[in-house]
């Protein structure tokens, strides 16, 4: 039996809303800050297993509600690199990076009606132990002042986003 419920249509709607159609929604990046635990990597402990199970349930709620567009955790900075730009010079530094306060452990990209809605969702997340999470709006083409980019550049930016949507929609 085929149903036409909003619940079944949410994943498609999330992709369509990627370009902030109609100004009814906004995208936010939810940035999970790194700490000594995330920098240690995934440890096989009961606490880690419980945390992964709880976060899995929370992520399922986000997907079911049509909020999440993308999400992932990041491996420790020891496995990463930084590239510093200074004029034409490029300097590559191998991890680990010492200032964990400045590192990102994971992220979500959410489609919500307001930043307040994002905060309400985030309050339900199964974090503890002083985890710090930041929520920031994503720039949409319409947010960039007209004197900063030409209409042609804005159109190219929209075309790139549409191309990304098409790739995301393919199985």
Protein backbone atom coordinates (compact mmCIF):
# COMPACT_ATOMS: atom_id res chain seq x y z
CA UNK A 1 0.00 0.00 0.00
CA UNK A 2 1.43 3.38 -1.01
CA UNK A 3 1.07 6.28 1.38
CA UNK A 4 1.59 9.93 0.71
CA UNK A 5 2.53 11.02 4.22
CA UNK A 6 4.87 13.93 4.88
CA UNK A 7 7.11 11.47 6.73
CA UNK A 8 7.70 9.48 3.53
CA UNK A 9 8.36 12.64 1.52
CA UNK A 10 10.87 14.29 3.89
CA UNK A 11 14.16 13.02 2.35
CA UNK A 12 13.11 14.34 -1.06
CA UNK A 13 12.00 17.65 0.44
CA UNK A 14 15.34 18.03 2.20
CA UNK A 15 17.16 17.80 -1.11
CA UNK A 16 14.79 20.26 -2.72
CA UNK A 17 15.23 22.71 0.15
CA UNK A 18 19.01 22.73 -0.27
CA UNK A 19 18.83 26.08 -2.07
CA UNK A 20 16.56 27.66 0.57
CA UNK A 21 13.55 27.67 -1.77
CA UNK A 22 10.96 30.26 -0.86
CA UNK A 23 12.96 31.54 2.11
CA UNK A 24 10.99 29.22 4.43
CA UNK A 25 14.00 27.30 5.67
CA UNK A 26 17.65 27.81 6.35
CA UNK A 27 20.68 25.59 6.52
CA UNK A 28 22.85 25.48 9.60
CA UNK A 29 26.14 23.78 10.29
CA UNK A 30 26.22 22.09 13.67
CA UNK A 31 29.86 21.79 14.67
CA UNK A 32 30.90 19.37 17.39
CA UNK A 33 34.12 20.55 18.99
CA UNK A 34 36.93 18.09 19.60
CA UNK A 35 38.15 17.13 23.05
CA UNK A 36 40.73 14.73 24.48
CA UNK A 37 38.32 11.81 24.00
CA UNK A 38 37.59 12.48 20.33
CA UNK A 39 41.29 13.07 19.72
CA UNK A 40 42.06 9.65 21.25
CA UNK A 41 39.99 7.95 18.54
CA UNK A 42 37.15 5.50 18.97
CA UNK A 43 37.79 3.33 22.02
CA UNK A 44 35.95 0.01 22.43
CA UNK A 45 34.39 0.62 25.85
CA UNK A 46 30.88 0.16 27.22
CA UNK A 47 30.55 3.95 27.51
CA UNK A 48 31.51 4.38 23.82
CA UNK A 49 29.06 1.67 22.75
CA UNK A 50 26.25 3.33 24.73
CA UNK A 51 27.12 6.75 23.30
CA UNK A 52 27.09 5.41 19.72
CA UNK A 53 23.72 3.72 20.30
CA UNK A 54 22.19 6.89 21.76
CA UNK A 55 23.63 9.06 18.99
CA UNK A 56 22.33 6.60 16.39
CA UNK A 57 18.80 6.96 17.78
CA UNK A 58 19.11 10.75 17.80
CA UNK A 59 20.35 10.75 14.19
CA UNK A 60 17.41 8.54 13.18
CA UNK A 61 15.02 11.11 14.70
CA UNK A 62 16.73 13.90 12.73
CA UNK A 63 16.49 11.96 9.47
CA UNK A 64 12.87 10.97 10.09
CA UNK A 65 12.00 14.64 10.73
CA UNK A 66 13.71 15.67 7.48
CA UNK A 67 16.18 17.91 9.32
CA UNK A 68 19.55 16.37 8.45
CA UNK A 69 21.17 16.95 5.05
CA UNK A 70 24.61 15.57 5.92
CA UNK A 71 26.49 14.32 8.97
CA UNK A 72 29.75 12.68 9.87
CA UNK A 73 32.35 12.31 12.55
CA UNK A 74 35.97 13.14 11.87
CA UNK A 75 38.99 11.04 12.69
CA UNK A 76 41.53 12.44 15.17
CA UNK A 77 43.72 15.32 14.04
CA UNK A 78 46.75 12.97 14.21
CA UNK A 79 45.52 11.58 10.89
CA UNK A 80 45.04 15.03 9.33
CA UNK A 81 47.05 17.79 7.72
CA UNK A 82 46.81 21.58 7.68
CA UNK A 83 47.70 23.80 4.78
CA UNK A 84 48.64 27.42 5.57
CA UNK A 85 48.42 29.98 2.77
CA UNK A 86 50.70 33.03 2.71
CA UNK A 87 50.83 34.77 -0.65
CA UNK A 88 52.02 32.13 -3.11
CA UNK A 89 53.55 29.97 -0.36
CA UNK A 90 51.78 26.83 0.88
CA UNK A 91 52.95 25.22 4.12
CA UNK A 92 51.70 21.74 5.03
CA UNK A 93 51.73 20.64 8.69
CA UNK A 94 51.04 17.07 9.79
CA UNK A 95 48.72 16.42 12.74
CA UNK A 96 48.16 16.00 15.57
CA UNK A 97 47.24 19.58 16.37
CA UNK A 98 47.59 20.66 19.97
CA UNK A 99 44.74 23.15 20.48
CA UNK A 100 41.74 20.81 20.76
CA UNK A 101 39.46 23.82 21.45
CA UNK A 102 39.98 24.82 17.81
CA UNK A 103 39.38 21.37 16.33
CA UNK A 104 36.19 19.85 14.94
CA UNK A 105 35.23 16.30 15.90
CA UNK A 106 32.15 16.05 13.72
CA UNK A 107 29.32 17.93 12.07
CA UNK A 108 25.75 17.93 10.89
CA UNK A 109 24.27 20.03 8.12
CA UNK A 110 20.63 20.69 9.00
CA UNK A 111 17.68 22.26 7.18
CA UNK A 112 15.51 24.09 9.72
CA UNK A 113 13.03 26.96 9.92
CA UNK A 114 15.24 29.00 12.27
CA UNK A 115 18.41 28.84 14.30
CA UNK A 116 16.16 28.55 17.37
CA UNK A 117 14.70 25.33 15.95
CA UNK A 118 18.25 24.02 15.46
CA UNK A 119 19.07 24.83 19.09
CA UNK A 120 15.92 23.01 20.26
CA UNK A 121 16.95 19.92 18.27
CA UNK A 122 20.50 20.16 19.61
CA UNK A 123 19.30 20.29 23.22
CA UNK A 124 17.97 16.75 22.67
CA UNK A 125 21.35 15.39 21.57
CA UNK A 126 22.87 12.76 23.88
CA UNK A 127 26.03 14.72 24.71
CA UNK A 128 27.53 15.06 28.17
CA UNK A 129 30.90 15.58 29.82
CA UNK A 130 31.24 19.22 28.79
CA UNK A 131 30.89 18.65 25.04
CA UNK A 132 30.71 21.98 23.22
CA UNK A 133 28.66 22.30 20.03
CA UNK A 134 28.33 25.36 17.82
CA UNK A 135 25.42 26.17 15.48
CA UNK A 136 26.02 28.60 12.62
CA UNK A 137 23.89 29.61 9.63
CA UNK A 138 25.21 28.69 6.19
CA UNK A 139 25.55 31.50 3.68
CA UNK A 140 22.97 31.26 0.94
CA UNK A 141 23.50 33.12 -2.35
CA UNK A 142 20.75 35.54 -1.30
CA UNK A 143 22.74 36.42 1.86
CA UNK A 144 25.67 37.81 -0.11
CA UNK A 145 25.37 41.56 -0.81
CA UNK A 146 24.66 42.38 -4.46
CA UNK A 147 27.72 44.64 -4.62
CA UNK A 148 29.98 41.72 -3.63
CA UNK A 149 29.05 39.31 -6.44
CA UNK A 150 27.67 39.94 -9.89
CA UNK A 151 24.34 38.44 -10.97
CA UNK A 152 26.33 36.14 -13.27
CA UNK A 153 28.45 34.90 -10.37
CA UNK A 154 25.32 34.36 -8.26
CA UNK A 155 23.79 32.35 -11.12
CA UNK A 156 26.96 30.20 -11.35
CA UNK A 157 26.84 29.58 -7.59
CA UNK A 158 23.21 28.47 -7.88
CA UNK A 159 24.07 26.22 -10.83
CA UNK A 160 26.85 24.55 -8.83
CA UNK A 161 24.42 23.93 -5.95
CA UNK A 162 21.87 22.46 -8.38
CA UNK A 163 24.56 20.14 -9.76
CA UNK A 164 25.42 19.03 -6.22
CA UNK A 165 21.72 18.33 -5.59
CA UNK A 166 21.54 16.14 -8.67
CA UNK A 167 24.59 14.16 -7.56
CA UNK A 168 23.20 13.78 -4.03
CA UNK A 169 19.88 12.50 -5.39
CA UNK A 170 21.52 9.72 -7.46
CA UNK A 171 21.69 6.30 -5.75
